[in-house]
């Protein structure tokens, strides 16, 4: 075992542990052996990430050389326990053994890349731990009754798809249909005579101004461009259930009147689905700020706009006013391709259309969205359309 020397006296408990280890026959050395079967990373505890000196940095470089598997105790050194943000230099573990309780930082931001496979041991403690989040749960299996019809599962309308971005609205609409909506309408923002999606002929095309949005779940903003702005006052005032994505979020970020309309909506009827840059615009900060504390800032955003917030990314965070935040564990880098966010918006819309509340709809759709990517068996790239067909 190698111990990093420090000019300061160690804490009492650390000094006692060191003496007991020596008495038990544990050998300490100043340098690592050239060959070893396992590296146990316990450079630091779970407190605040500290500045690494030259010696510590050299050790982390050594650990990351992957001469042998790395097991991190509680959390990889350099990774923040609460936020999942990694220091400039961070241990990359093959396995992480979390003790007493699971830590949020294991599952979001840089955590999933740094931790490898996560193990947990409660150490049989009965101590009460104050939870600041919980892992997202798989949705209950839906069984449809025989004595139902398309009207039983709700209507969804997707308003978006401005010039050059009609595909985004079509992806969201197709996802809503595959996600279980009884009927799906497309309110295209592109002046066109198109009345048929040949890949999904079940979709119905309408002028967005003629849609009776009070009785539907509305998905607004997918490929909306600047054209979505003019429709948002009506959508925010009239839509009973609503998903706001992409350019709808960008428009709201720039318009205080739209922000007030959003905050005034009935509780638990609205879902915002920003990626970090869209969240940064809504919160008037940088995307780096958002990523530095995803869990906290998602909650702040939810309280500010009185909405369910789905902060997308590695370890998507779902939260709402009065709710314990969820961190999603499904999904992988296959989702890092154009259109998968539109698919998620449509999936949430389908659940809202069927009558679920905003928070439940978001949690269920996010889990399933990532689950499909995890189950993707092919080595080929998974496109957004592939994702839809596998829902």
Protein backbone atom coordinates (compact mmCIF):
# COMPACT_ATOMS: atom_id res chain seq x y z
CA UNK A 1 0.00 0.00 0.00
CA UNK A 2 1.22 3.46 -0.86
CA UNK A 3 0.52 6.42 1.39
CA UNK A 4 0.75 10.04 0.26
CA UNK A 5 2.74 11.95 2.87
CA UNK A 6 1.45 15.32 4.02
CA UNK A 7 3.29 18.03 5.91
CA UNK A 8 0.30 18.48 8.22
CA UNK A 9 -0.49 16.12 11.04
CA UNK A 10 -3.20 13.64 9.99
CA UNK A 11 -6.60 13.75 11.69
CA UNK A 12 -6.86 11.61 14.82
CA UNK A 13 -9.00 8.92 13.19
CA UNK A 14 -6.60 8.69 10.23
CA UNK A 15 -3.60 8.38 12.55
CA UNK A 16 -5.32 5.60 14.52
CA UNK A 17 -6.26 3.78 11.31
CA UNK A 18 -2.66 4.01 10.10
CA UNK A 19 -1.26 2.56 13.34
CA UNK A 20 -3.80 -0.27 13.27
CA UNK A 21 -2.96 -1.07 9.64
CA UNK A 22 0.75 -1.24 10.40
CA UNK A 23 0.05 -3.44 13.42
CA UNK A 24 -2.01 -5.75 11.21
CA UNK A 25 0.93 -6.24 8.87
CA UNK A 26 -0.03 -3.89 6.03
CA UNK A 27 3.10 -2.81 4.20
CA UNK A 28 3.47 0.82 3.10
CA UNK A 29 5.77 2.04 0.34
CA UNK A 30 6.57 5.36 -1.31
CA UNK A 31 6.31 4.03 -4.87
CA UNK A 32 3.96 1.68 -6.65
CA UNK A 33 5.19 -1.71 -7.86
CA UNK A 34 5.73 -2.15 -11.56
CA UNK A 35 3.17 -4.95 -11.65
CA UNK A 36 0.05 -5.39 -9.57
CA UNK A 37 -3.30 -7.17 -9.88
CA UNK A 38 -5.61 -4.46 -8.53
CA UNK A 39 -5.41 -0.77 -7.70
CA UNK A 40 -7.68 0.47 -4.89
CA UNK A 41 -8.19 4.22 -5.22
CA UNK A 42 -8.68 5.80 -1.81
CA UNK A 43 -6.57 8.94 -2.24
CA UNK A 44 -9.31 11.18 -0.85
CA UNK A 45 -12.58 10.81 0.98
CA UNK A 46 -15.97 12.13 -0.09
CA UNK A 47 -15.42 15.70 1.05
CA UNK A 48 -14.83 18.69 -1.14
CA UNK A 49 -12.53 18.07 -4.10
CA UNK A 50 -9.20 19.64 -3.19
CA UNK A 51 -6.36 21.01 -5.26
CA UNK A 52 -3.97 18.31 -6.43
CA UNK A 53 -0.29 18.87 -5.89
CA UNK A 54 2.33 17.49 -8.24
CA UNK A 55 2.76 14.22 -6.36
CA UNK A 56 -0.96 13.53 -6.23
CA UNK A 57 -1.34 14.36 -9.93
CA UNK A 58 1.45 11.93 -10.74
CA UNK A 59 -0.33 9.21 -8.79
CA UNK A 60 -3.60 9.77 -10.62
CA UNK A 61 -1.76 9.57 -13.94
CA UNK A 62 -0.24 6.30 -12.71
CA UNK A 63 -3.63 4.92 -11.66
CA UNK A 64 -5.14 5.86 -15.01
CA UNK A 65 -2.42 4.00 -16.88
CA UNK A 66 -4.64 0.93 -16.36
CA UNK A 67 -1.86 -1.54 -15.65
CA UNK A 68 -4.55 -3.37 -13.69
CA UNK A 69 -8.24 -2.81 -12.85
CA UNK A 70 -9.07 0.14 -10.59
CA UNK A 71 -11.53 -0.07 -7.70
CA UNK A 72 -12.51 3.33 -6.28
CA UNK A 73 -13.69 3.49 -2.67
CA UNK A 74 -16.87 5.58 -2.36
CA UNK A 75 -16.03 7.80 -5.33
CA UNK A 76 -13.13 8.14 -7.78
CA UNK A 77 -10.59 10.69 -6.57
CA UNK A 78 -11.19 14.04 -8.24
CA UNK A 79 -14.93 13.53 -8.74
CA UNK A 80 -17.34 15.70 -6.77
CA UNK A 81 -19.67 13.57 -4.65
CA UNK A 82 -22.72 15.79 -4.99
CA UNK A 83 -22.44 17.21 -8.51
CA UNK A 84 -20.57 14.58 -10.52
CA UNK A 85 -18.18 17.17 -11.90
CA UNK A 86 -14.62 15.96 -12.39
CA UNK A 87 -11.53 17.90 -11.48
CA UNK A 88 -8.96 18.72 -14.16
CA UNK A 89 -7.52 15.32 -13.35
CA UNK A 90 -9.78 12.52 -12.15
CA UNK A 91 -9.32 8.80 -11.51
CA UNK A 92 -11.01 6.63 -14.13
CA UNK A 93 -12.19 3.55 -12.24
CA UNK A 94 -13.35 0.20 -13.56
CA UNK A 95 -15.46 -0.29 -10.44
CA UNK A 96 -16.69 2.01 -7.67
CA UNK A 97 -17.81 0.69 -4.28
CA UNK A 98 -20.15 3.24 -2.70
CA UNK A 99 -20.49 2.87 1.07
CA UNK A 100 -23.40 3.73 3.40
CA UNK A 101 -25.41 5.41 0.64
CA UNK A 102 -25.28 6.05 -3.10
CA UNK A 103 -23.98 9.48 -4.03
CA UNK A 104 -25.56 11.66 -6.74
CA UNK A 105 -22.20 12.37 -8.34
CA UNK A 106 -21.83 8.71 -9.32
CA UNK A 107 -24.66 8.97 -11.80
CA UNK A 108 -24.62 12.35 -13.51
CA UNK A 109 -22.26 14.73 -15.36
CA UNK A 110 -18.77 13.13 -15.39
CA UNK A 111 -19.73 10.44 -12.91
CA UNK A 112 -20.76 7.66 -15.23
CA UNK A 113 -17.52 7.86 -17.23
CA UNK A 114 -15.36 8.02 -14.10
CA UNK A 115 -17.01 5.32 -11.98
CA UNK A 116 -17.27 2.28 -14.22
CA UNK A 117 -19.50 -0.40 -12.72
CA UNK A 118 -21.05 0.80 -9.46
CA UNK A 119 -21.36 -1.44 -6.40
CA UNK A 120 -23.07 -0.58 -3.11
CA UNK A 121 -22.68 -1.69 0.50
CA UNK A 122 -24.75 -0.12 3.26
CA UNK A 123 -22.37 -1.53 5.92
CA UNK A 124 -25.58 -2.60 7.65
CA UNK A 125 -25.98 0.84 9.13
CA UNK A 126 -29.32 2.05 10.46
CA UNK A 127 -28.30 5.72 10.43
CA UNK A 128 -30.77 8.04 8.73
CA UNK A 129 -29.47 9.62 5.54
CA UNK A 130 -31.15 12.72 4.15
CA UNK A 131 -31.81 12.01 0.48
CA UNK A 132 -31.35 14.84 -2.02
CA UNK A 133 -32.27 12.67 -5.02
CA UNK A 134 -33.21 9.14 -5.97
CA UNK A 135 -32.60 6.95 -8.97
CA UNK A 136 -35.32 6.97 -11.59
CA UNK A 137 -37.47 3.84 -11.54
CA UNK A 138 -38.72 1.77 -14.48
CA UNK A 139 -42.37 2.50 -15.32
CA UNK A 140 -45.05 -0.01 -14.53
CA UNK A 141 -46.00 -2.23 -17.42
CA UNK A 142 -49.06 -0.84 -19.18
CA UNK A 143 -51.89 -3.26 -19.94
CA UNK A 144 -54.61 -1.85 -22.19
CA UNK A 145 -58.17 -2.92 -21.55
CA UNK A 146 -60.03 -4.52 -24.45
CA UNK A 147 -63.02 -2.21 -24.13
CA UNK A 148 -61.17 0.93 -25.23
CA UNK A 149 -60.67 2.94 -28.39
CA UNK A 150 -58.29 5.57 -29.79
CA UNK A 151 -60.01 8.29 -27.81
CA UNK A 152 -59.15 6.44 -24.60
CA UNK A 153 -55.46 7.21 -25.02
CA UNK A 154 -55.56 10.89 -25.73
CA UNK A 155 -54.68 13.30 -28.49
CA UNK A 156 -51.27 14.87 -29.01
CA UNK A 157 -50.42 17.75 -31.30
CA UNK A 158 -46.88 18.73 -32.22
CA UNK A 159 -46.40 22.38 -33.14
CA UNK A 160 -43.04 23.02 -34.75
CA UNK A 161 -41.09 22.24 -37.88
CA UNK A 162 -40.28 25.64 -39.37
CA UNK A 163 -38.52 25.97 -42.71
CA UNK A 164 -35.58 23.58 -42.97
CA UNK A 165 -36.48 21.78 -39.72
CA UNK A 166 -39.72 19.95 -40.49
CA UNK A 167 -38.03 16.66 -39.63
CA UNK A 168 -37.87 17.57 -35.94
CA UNK A 169 -41.66 17.94 -35.69
CA UNK A 170 -42.20 14.71 -37.61
CA UNK A 171 -39.85 12.80 -35.28
CA UNK A 172 -41.69 14.10 -32.22
CA UNK A 173 -45.06 13.23 -33.76
CA UNK A 174 -43.97 9.73 -34.75
CA UNK A 175 -42.57 9.18 -31.25
CA UNK A 176 -45.89 10.26 -29.71
CA UNK A 177 -47.72 7.75 -31.90
CA UNK A 178 -45.31 4.92 -31.09
CA UNK A 179 -45.43 6.00 -27.44
CA UNK A 180 -49.11 5.15 -27.26
CA UNK A 181 -51.08 8.28 -28.18
CA UNK A 182 -54.50 7.56 -29.65
CA UNK A 183 -54.27 10.32 -32.28
CA UNK A 184 -51.43 12.61 -33.26
CA UNK A 185 -51.68 15.90 -35.14
CA UNK A 186 -48.86 17.91 -36.70
CA UNK A 187 -49.21 21.68 -36.70
CA UNK A 188 -46.42 22.52 -39.11
CA UNK A 189 -44.93 26.01 -39.01
CA UNK A 190 -43.80 25.68 -42.61
CA UNK A 191 -46.30 26.89 -45.24
CA UNK A 192 -46.86 23.72 -47.22
CA UNK A 193 -49.47 21.63 -48.89
CA UNK A 194 -48.07 18.46 -47.29
CA UNK A 195 -50.87 16.40 -45.84
CA UNK A 196 -49.15 13.04 -45.54
CA UNK A 197 -46.08 11.58 -43.86
CA UNK A 198 -45.46 8.56 -46.06
CA UNK A 199 -43.41 6.88 -43.34
CA UNK A 200 -46.20 7.41 -40.81
CA UNK A 201 -49.51 7.89 -42.63
CA UNK A 202 -51.44 7.85 -39.34
CA UNK A 203 -50.29 11.40 -38.61
CA UNK A 204 -52.81 14.16 -39.36
CA UNK A 205 -51.63 17.57 -40.61
CA UNK A 206 -53.36 20.80 -39.61
CA UNK A 207 -52.80 24.53 -39.60
CA UNK A 208 -51.60 25.12 -36.01
CA UNK A 209 -54.06 28.01 -35.60
CA UNK A 210 -57.02 25.70 -36.27
CA UNK A 211 -56.06 23.07 -33.69
CA UNK A 212 -58.21 22.94 -30.57
CA UNK A 213 -55.27 22.68 -28.22
CA UNK A 214 -57.32 22.93 -25.03
CA UNK A 215 -58.25 19.25 -25.31
CA UNK A 216 -54.82 17.92 -26.37
CA UNK A 217 -51.36 17.40 -25.00
CA UNK A 218 -49.20 19.88 -26.90
CA UNK A 219 -45.54 19.37 -27.80
CA UNK A 220 -44.18 22.76 -28.85
CA UNK A 221 -40.84 23.88 -30.22
CA UNK A 222 -39.30 20.91 -32.01
CA UNK A 223 -37.65 22.53 -35.02
CA UNK A 224 -39.72 25.63 -34.32
CA UNK A 225 -37.08 28.23 -35.17
CA UNK A 226 -38.14 31.85 -34.74
CA UNK A 227 -41.64 31.01 -36.00
CA UNK A 228 -42.67 29.33 -32.74
CA UNK A 229 -42.52 32.60 -30.80
CA UNK A 230 -45.76 33.98 -32.25
CA UNK A 231 -47.65 30.84 -31.22
CA UNK A 232 -46.41 30.59 -27.65
CA UNK A 233 -48.76 33.10 -25.95
CA UNK A 234 -51.76 31.07 -27.14
CA UNK A 235 -50.10 27.74 -26.35
CA UNK A 236 -49.08 28.79 -22.84
CA UNK A 237 -52.52 30.22 -22.10
CA UNK A 238 -54.68 27.45 -23.58
CA UNK A 239 -52.86 24.10 -23.63
CA UNK A 240 -54.06 21.94 -20.75
CA UNK A 241 -50.94 19.76 -20.86
CA UNK A 242 -47.71 20.89 -22.43
CA UNK A 243 -44.15 19.86 -23.36
CA UNK A 244 -41.80 22.73 -24.25
CA UNK A 245 -38.66 21.78 -26.13
CA UNK A 246 -35.88 23.28 -28.24
CA UNK A 247 -36.81 26.63 -29.85
CA UNK A 248 -39.81 27.10 -27.59
CA UNK A 249 -37.37 27.20 -24.67
CA UNK A 250 -35.07 29.60 -26.51
CA UNK A 251 -38.00 31.93 -27.21
CA UNK A 252 -39.13 31.88 -23.58
CA UNK A 253 -35.56 32.60 -22.40
CA UNK A 254 -35.65 35.87 -24.39
CA UNK A 255 -39.15 37.06 -23.45
CA UNK A 256 -40.15 38.02 -19.90
CA UNK A 257 -43.87 38.01 -20.80
CA UNK A 258 -43.65 34.40 -21.94
CA UNK A 259 -41.80 33.55 -18.72
CA UNK A 260 -44.65 35.02 -16.69
CA UNK A 261 -47.22 33.06 -18.71
CA UNK A 262 -45.22 29.90 -18.13
CA UNK A 263 -44.95 30.40 -14.39
CA UNK A 264 -48.70 31.10 -14.18
CA UNK A 265 -49.73 27.73 -15.63
CA UNK A 266 -51.56 25.13 -13.53
CA UNK A 267 -49.17 23.07 -11.43
CA UNK A 268 -47.90 19.72 -12.72
CA UNK A 269 -49.14 20.21 -16.29
CA UNK A 270 -45.96 21.40 -18.01
CA UNK A 271 -42.63 19.78 -18.85
CA UNK A 272 -39.49 21.62 -19.97
CA UNK A 273 -36.87 19.47 -21.73
CA UNK A 274 -33.68 21.55 -22.05
CA UNK A 275 -30.22 20.36 -22.88
CA UNK A 276 -27.49 22.22 -20.92
CA UNK A 277 -27.18 25.14 -23.36
CA UNK A 278 -30.96 25.70 -23.46
CA UNK A 279 -31.02 25.50 -19.66
CA UNK A 280 -28.24 28.08 -19.53
CA UNK A 281 -30.26 30.48 -21.66
CA UNK A 282 -33.31 30.04 -19.43
CA UNK A 283 -31.23 30.66 -16.30
CA UNK A 284 -29.08 33.46 -17.81
CA UNK A 285 -25.81 31.68 -17.13
CA UNK A 286 -23.30 29.55 -19.03
CA UNK A 287 -23.69 25.90 -19.92
CA UNK A 288 -20.53 25.27 -17.86
CA UNK A 289 -22.37 26.70 -14.84
CA UNK A 290 -25.30 24.36 -15.48
CA UNK A 291 -23.04 21.33 -15.81
CA UNK A 292 -21.14 22.22 -12.65
CA UNK A 293 -24.20 21.53 -10.48
CA UNK A 294 -26.88 19.84 -12.57
CA UNK A 295 -29.00 18.55 -9.71
CA UNK A 296 -29.26 21.84 -7.84
CA UNK A 297 -29.80 24.06 -10.87
CA UNK A 298 -32.47 21.77 -12.34
CA UNK A 299 -34.35 22.16 -9.06
CA UNK A 300 -33.89 25.94 -9.11
CA UNK A 301 -35.22 26.03 -12.68
CA UNK A 302 -38.23 23.92 -11.73
CA UNK A 303 -39.08 26.24 -8.84
CA UNK A 304 -38.56 29.37 -10.91
CA UNK A 305 -40.88 28.33 -13.72
CA UNK A 306 -43.22 26.12 -11.64
CA UNK A 307 -42.68 23.21 -14.07
CA UNK A 308 -41.30 19.74 -14.32
CA UNK A 309 -37.77 20.03 -15.70
CA UNK A 310 -35.93 17.34 -17.65
CA UNK A 311 -32.29 18.44 -17.75
CA UNK A 312 -30.90 16.19 -20.46
CA UNK A 313 -27.40 14.77 -20.56
CA UNK A 314 -25.40 12.01 -18.93
CA UNK A 315 -27.53 11.14 -15.93
CA UNK A 316 -30.61 13.10 -17.00
CA UNK A 317 -32.15 14.93 -14.02
CA UNK A 318 -35.95 15.06 -13.66
CA UNK A 319 -37.37 17.33 -11.01
CA UNK A 320 -40.41 19.45 -10.14
CA UNK A 321 -41.54 21.74 -7.31
CA UNK A 322 -42.11 19.68 -4.18
CA UNK A 323 -40.61 16.52 -5.72
CA UNK A 324 -37.47 14.63 -4.79
CA UNK A 325 -35.32 14.82 -7.90
CA UNK A 326 -34.74 11.70 -9.98
CA UNK A 327 -31.46 10.85 -11.70
CA UNK A 328 -31.91 8.58 -14.69
CA UNK A 329 -29.55 5.63 -15.10
CA UNK A 330 -30.64 4.37 -18.52
CA UNK A 331 -29.19 5.56 -21.82
CA UNK A 332 -25.77 5.85 -23.38
CA UNK A 333 -23.83 7.73 -26.05
CA UNK A 334 -25.96 6.21 -28.84
CA UNK A 335 -28.43 8.97 -27.95
CA UNK A 336 -25.85 11.62 -28.88
CA UNK A 337 -27.28 12.13 -32.35
CA UNK A 338 -29.66 14.61 -33.94
CA UNK A 339 -33.35 14.12 -33.29
CA UNK A 340 -33.29 11.96 -30.16
CA UNK A 341 -34.40 14.94 -28.05
CA UNK A 342 -37.40 15.43 -30.35
CA UNK A 343 -38.23 11.75 -29.83
CA UNK A 344 -38.15 12.21 -26.06
CA UNK A 345 -40.45 15.23 -26.26
CA UNK A 346 -42.96 13.20 -28.27
CA UNK A 347 -42.79 10.30 -25.80
CA UNK A 348 -43.51 12.63 -22.88
CA UNK A 349 -46.39 14.13 -24.87
CA UNK A 350 -47.92 10.68 -25.37
CA UNK A 351 -47.97 10.06 -21.61
CA UNK A 352 -49.43 13.48 -20.91
CA UNK A 353 -52.08 12.84 -23.55
CA UNK A 354 -53.05 9.60 -21.83
CA UNK A 355 -53.72 11.50 -18.61
CA UNK A 356 -50.53 11.15 -16.56
CA UNK A 357 -49.28 14.12 -14.59
CA UNK A 358 -46.23 16.02 -15.80
CA UNK A 359 -43.66 14.61 -13.36
CA UNK A 360 -44.71 10.98 -13.83
CA UNK A 361 -44.86 11.41 -17.60
CA UNK A 362 -41.33 12.79 -17.69
CA UNK A 363 -39.87 10.11 -15.41
CA UNK A 364 -41.45 7.25 -17.36
CA UNK A 365 -40.54 8.57 -20.80
CA UNK A 366 -36.95 9.38 -19.87
CA UNK A 367 -36.40 5.89 -18.46
CA UNK A 368 -37.88 4.18 -21.52
CA UNK A 369 -36.01 6.48 -23.93
CA UNK A 370 -32.67 5.46 -22.42
CA UNK A 371 -33.70 1.83 -22.03
CA UNK A 372 -34.20 1.50 -25.78
CA UNK A 373 -30.66 2.78 -26.37
CA UNK A 374 -29.25 0.33 -23.81
CA UNK A 375 -31.00 -2.57 -25.54
CA UNK A 376 -29.73 -1.61 -29.00
CA UNK A 377 -27.92 -4.77 -30.15
CA UNK A 378 -26.37 -3.55 -33.37
CA UNK A 379 -22.90 -2.06 -33.65
CA UNK A 380 -24.32 0.37 -36.20
CA UNK A 381 -25.20 3.93 -35.22
CA UNK A 382 -28.70 4.28 -33.78
CA UNK A 383 -30.62 7.10 -35.46
CA UNK A 384 -33.61 8.93 -34.02
CA UNK A 385 -35.87 7.01 -36.40
CA UNK A 386 -34.34 3.72 -35.19
CA UNK A 387 -35.14 4.82 -31.65
CA UNK A 388 -38.76 5.50 -32.55
CA UNK A 389 -39.23 2.10 -34.18
CA UNK A 390 -37.78 0.34 -31.13
CA UNK A 391 -40.02 2.08 -28.55
